[in-house]
Protein backbone atom coordinates (compact mmCIF):
# COMPACT_ATOMS: atom_id res chain seq x y z
CA MET A 1 46.06 9.51 -13.86
CA TYR A 2 43.72 10.96 -10.99
CA GLY A 3 42.03 7.74 -10.53
CA PHE A 4 38.57 8.97 -11.96
CA ARG A 5 36.27 6.44 -13.51
CA ILE A 6 32.91 6.12 -14.84
CA VAL A 7 30.90 3.71 -12.85
CA ASP A 8 29.93 0.66 -14.41
CA LYS A 9 26.52 0.53 -13.05
CA LEU A 10 24.22 3.33 -11.31
CA GLN A 11 22.74 1.68 -8.08
CA LYS A 12 19.20 1.35 -8.30
CA ILE A 13 16.64 1.61 -5.30
CA ASP A 14 14.76 -1.91 -4.84
CA GLU A 15 17.13 -3.57 -7.13
CA ASP A 16 20.74 -2.94 -5.76
CA ILE A 17 19.70 -1.69 -2.46
CA SER A 18 16.51 -1.97 -0.36
CA ARG A 19 14.54 0.82 1.08
CA LYS A 20 15.20 -0.55 4.59
CA GLN A 21 18.92 -0.12 4.09
CA LEU A 22 18.81 3.67 3.45
CA LYS A 23 18.39 4.14 7.07
CA TYR A 24 21.84 3.16 8.32
CA HIS A 25 21.38 3.95 12.13
CA THR A 26 19.38 5.22 14.89
CA LYS A 27 21.65 7.70 16.41
CA ARG A 28 21.30 11.47 16.85
CA VAL A 29 23.37 13.38 14.47
CA LEU A 30 24.00 17.24 13.85
CA VAL A 31 23.77 18.77 10.33
CA SER A 32 25.09 22.28 10.01
CA LYS A 33 24.40 25.26 7.53
CA GLU A 34 25.97 28.72 7.45
CA PHE A 35 24.51 31.92 5.99
CA THR A 36 25.79 35.58 5.66
CA PHE A 37 23.80 38.94 5.82
CA ASP A 38 24.73 42.47 5.67
CA ALA A 39 23.35 45.02 8.12
CA ALA A 40 23.67 48.21 10.14
CA HIS A 41 23.55 49.02 13.72
CA HIS A 42 24.73 51.02 16.83
CA LEU A 43 25.27 50.18 20.39
CA HIS A 44 23.73 52.11 23.26
CA CYS A 45 25.62 52.66 26.47
CA TYR A 46 28.87 51.91 24.77
CA ASP A 47 31.79 54.40 24.57
CA GLY A 48 33.80 52.60 21.70
CA LYS A 49 33.35 53.13 18.06
CA CYS A 50 30.18 50.88 17.77
CA LYS A 51 28.26 53.75 19.54
CA ASN A 52 28.05 55.18 15.91
CA LEU A 53 25.87 53.74 12.98
CA HIS A 54 27.95 51.22 11.20
CA GLY A 55 27.66 48.06 9.31
CA HIS A 56 28.82 44.34 9.40
CA THR A 57 28.79 41.43 6.90
CA TYR A 58 27.75 38.91 9.66
CA LYS A 59 27.87 35.05 9.28
CA VAL A 60 25.65 32.83 11.13
CA ILE A 61 26.21 29.06 11.50
CA PHE A 62 23.42 26.74 12.81
CA GLY A 63 23.97 23.34 14.40
CA ILE A 64 20.68 21.40 14.43
CA SER A 65 20.49 17.67 15.82
CA GLY A 66 17.76 15.00 15.26
CA PHE A 67 17.25 11.51 13.99
CA VAL A 68 17.26 10.46 10.46
CA ASP A 69 14.16 9.32 8.69
CA ASN A 70 13.62 6.27 6.67
CA ARG A 71 15.73 7.63 3.94
CA GLY A 72 18.83 8.45 6.12
CA ILE A 73 18.04 12.12 6.28
CA MET A 74 17.88 14.12 9.60
CA MET A 75 16.76 17.58 7.91
CA ASP A 76 17.36 18.57 4.14
CA PHE A 77 19.92 21.60 3.95
CA GLY A 78 17.24 23.34 1.74
CA ASP A 79 14.86 23.15 4.52
CA ILE A 80 17.33 24.78 6.90
CA LYS A 81 17.75 27.42 3.95
CA GLU A 82 13.97 28.06 3.76
CA ILE A 83 13.48 28.69 7.44
CA TRP A 84 16.39 31.07 7.31
CA LYS A 85 15.16 33.07 4.47
CA ASN A 86 11.51 33.26 5.34
CA GLN A 87 11.62 33.37 9.22
CA ILE A 88 15.04 35.04 10.18
CA GLU A 89 16.81 36.67 7.48
CA ILE A 90 13.76 38.88 6.39
CA PHE A 91 14.44 40.87 9.84
CA LEU A 92 18.38 41.18 9.28
CA ASP A 93 19.56 41.35 5.68
CA HIS A 94 20.06 44.71 4.64
CA LYS A 95 18.38 46.26 7.66
CA TYR A 96 18.80 48.93 10.43
CA LEU A 97 18.85 46.03 13.20
CA ASN A 98 17.85 48.67 16.00
CA GLU A 99 14.38 49.06 14.37
CA THR A 100 13.78 45.33 13.04
CA LEU A 101 14.80 43.42 15.99
CA PRO A 102 12.75 43.42 19.16
CA PRO A 103 13.88 46.11 21.63
CA MET A 104 17.24 45.29 22.67
CA ASN A 105 20.97 46.63 22.35
CA THR A 106 21.96 44.96 18.82
CA THR A 107 25.08 43.17 20.38
CA ALA A 108 26.21 39.88 18.81
CA GLU A 109 25.44 38.43 22.48
CA ASN A 110 21.66 39.63 22.43
CA MET A 111 21.28 38.87 18.63
CA VAL A 112 22.53 35.26 18.69
CA VAL A 113 19.97 34.33 21.33
CA TRP A 114 17.30 35.81 19.39
CA ILE A 115 18.24 33.91 16.10
CA PHE A 116 18.60 30.82 18.46
CA GLN A 117 15.08 31.40 19.46
CA LYS A 118 13.58 32.07 15.96
CA MET A 119 15.04 28.58 14.70
CA THR A 120 13.76 26.77 17.72
CA GLU A 121 10.30 28.11 17.19
CA ALA A 122 10.49 27.21 13.58
CA LEU A 123 11.41 23.83 14.53
CA GLU A 124 8.77 23.42 16.83
CA ALA A 125 6.17 24.70 14.42
CA ALA A 126 7.15 21.90 12.04
CA GLY A 127 5.88 19.22 14.47
CA PRO A 128 7.06 15.66 13.80
CA LYS A 129 8.54 16.33 10.37
CA TYR A 130 11.92 16.41 11.76
CA ASP A 131 12.29 13.61 14.20
CA GLY A 132 13.79 15.01 17.64
CA ALA A 133 15.17 17.98 15.69
CA ARG A 134 16.57 20.65 18.15
CA VAL A 135 18.86 23.73 17.92
CA GLU A 136 22.27 22.52 19.50
CA PHE A 137 24.01 25.92 18.66
CA VAL A 138 24.08 29.14 16.92
CA ARG A 139 27.20 31.04 16.15
CA LEU A 140 27.16 34.61 14.94
CA TYR A 141 30.11 36.06 13.57
CA GLU A 142 30.24 39.89 13.74
CA THR A 143 33.56 40.01 12.07
CA PRO A 144 35.63 37.16 10.63
CA THR A 145 37.45 36.78 13.95
CA SER A 146 34.67 37.73 16.45
CA TYR A 147 31.51 35.68 17.17
CA ALA A 148 29.03 34.94 20.08
CA GLU A 149 27.51 31.70 20.40
CA ALA A 150 24.34 30.45 22.10
CA ARG A 151 24.17 26.74 22.94
CA ARG A 152 21.19 24.71 23.58
CA GLU A 153 22.62 23.47 27.33
CA TRP A 154 22.69 27.43 28.18
CA MET A 155 19.18 28.30 26.93
CA GLY A 156 17.44 26.89 29.82
CA ASN A 157 16.61 28.87 33.09
CA GLU A 158 19.74 29.18 35.23
C-alpha cells in the first residue's frame, strides 16, 4: 500500500561498496544544526518594554561548511551538539545574560556575534579534525518571528 519493503540484502563495506566510494565528492558543503535555550535579560539605554527584566526562549541555528572526510562526513551533528553544550550553552541556558556574557548590551545583534565567535574558536581549536570547517552563519531567534544573523563575510574588518 505504501511501497514499504524490507531490503533483500544489507549493503556491506568492502563487499558491496568500497571504502574509496564513501567519499563521493570534493566539494565544500554546509551542515546546519539548531538549538533552543531559555534565558533572562534586560536592555540598557532602551525606552521600550525590554528595559525591564524578562525572558525568551531563544533558537540558534548554525551553518558550518567544510569538506567531507574519507567517509563522506564533513562534521558529525553530534560534534556540533557537543561544542554547543560544553562551550556555548553553558553561558546561556537558564542564565541572566547580563551577568554571564561579556560586558555588552544583551541585544540579539550583540549576542549573535558572540555566539559566532565562540563557535569559530571551537572549530579553530579542533585543528585539522574538520577539513576546512568554518562558520558560515549563525541565526539567533529572540522570538519565533524575530532574529539577528551574523555571516562569515560580515565578520571581517570593514
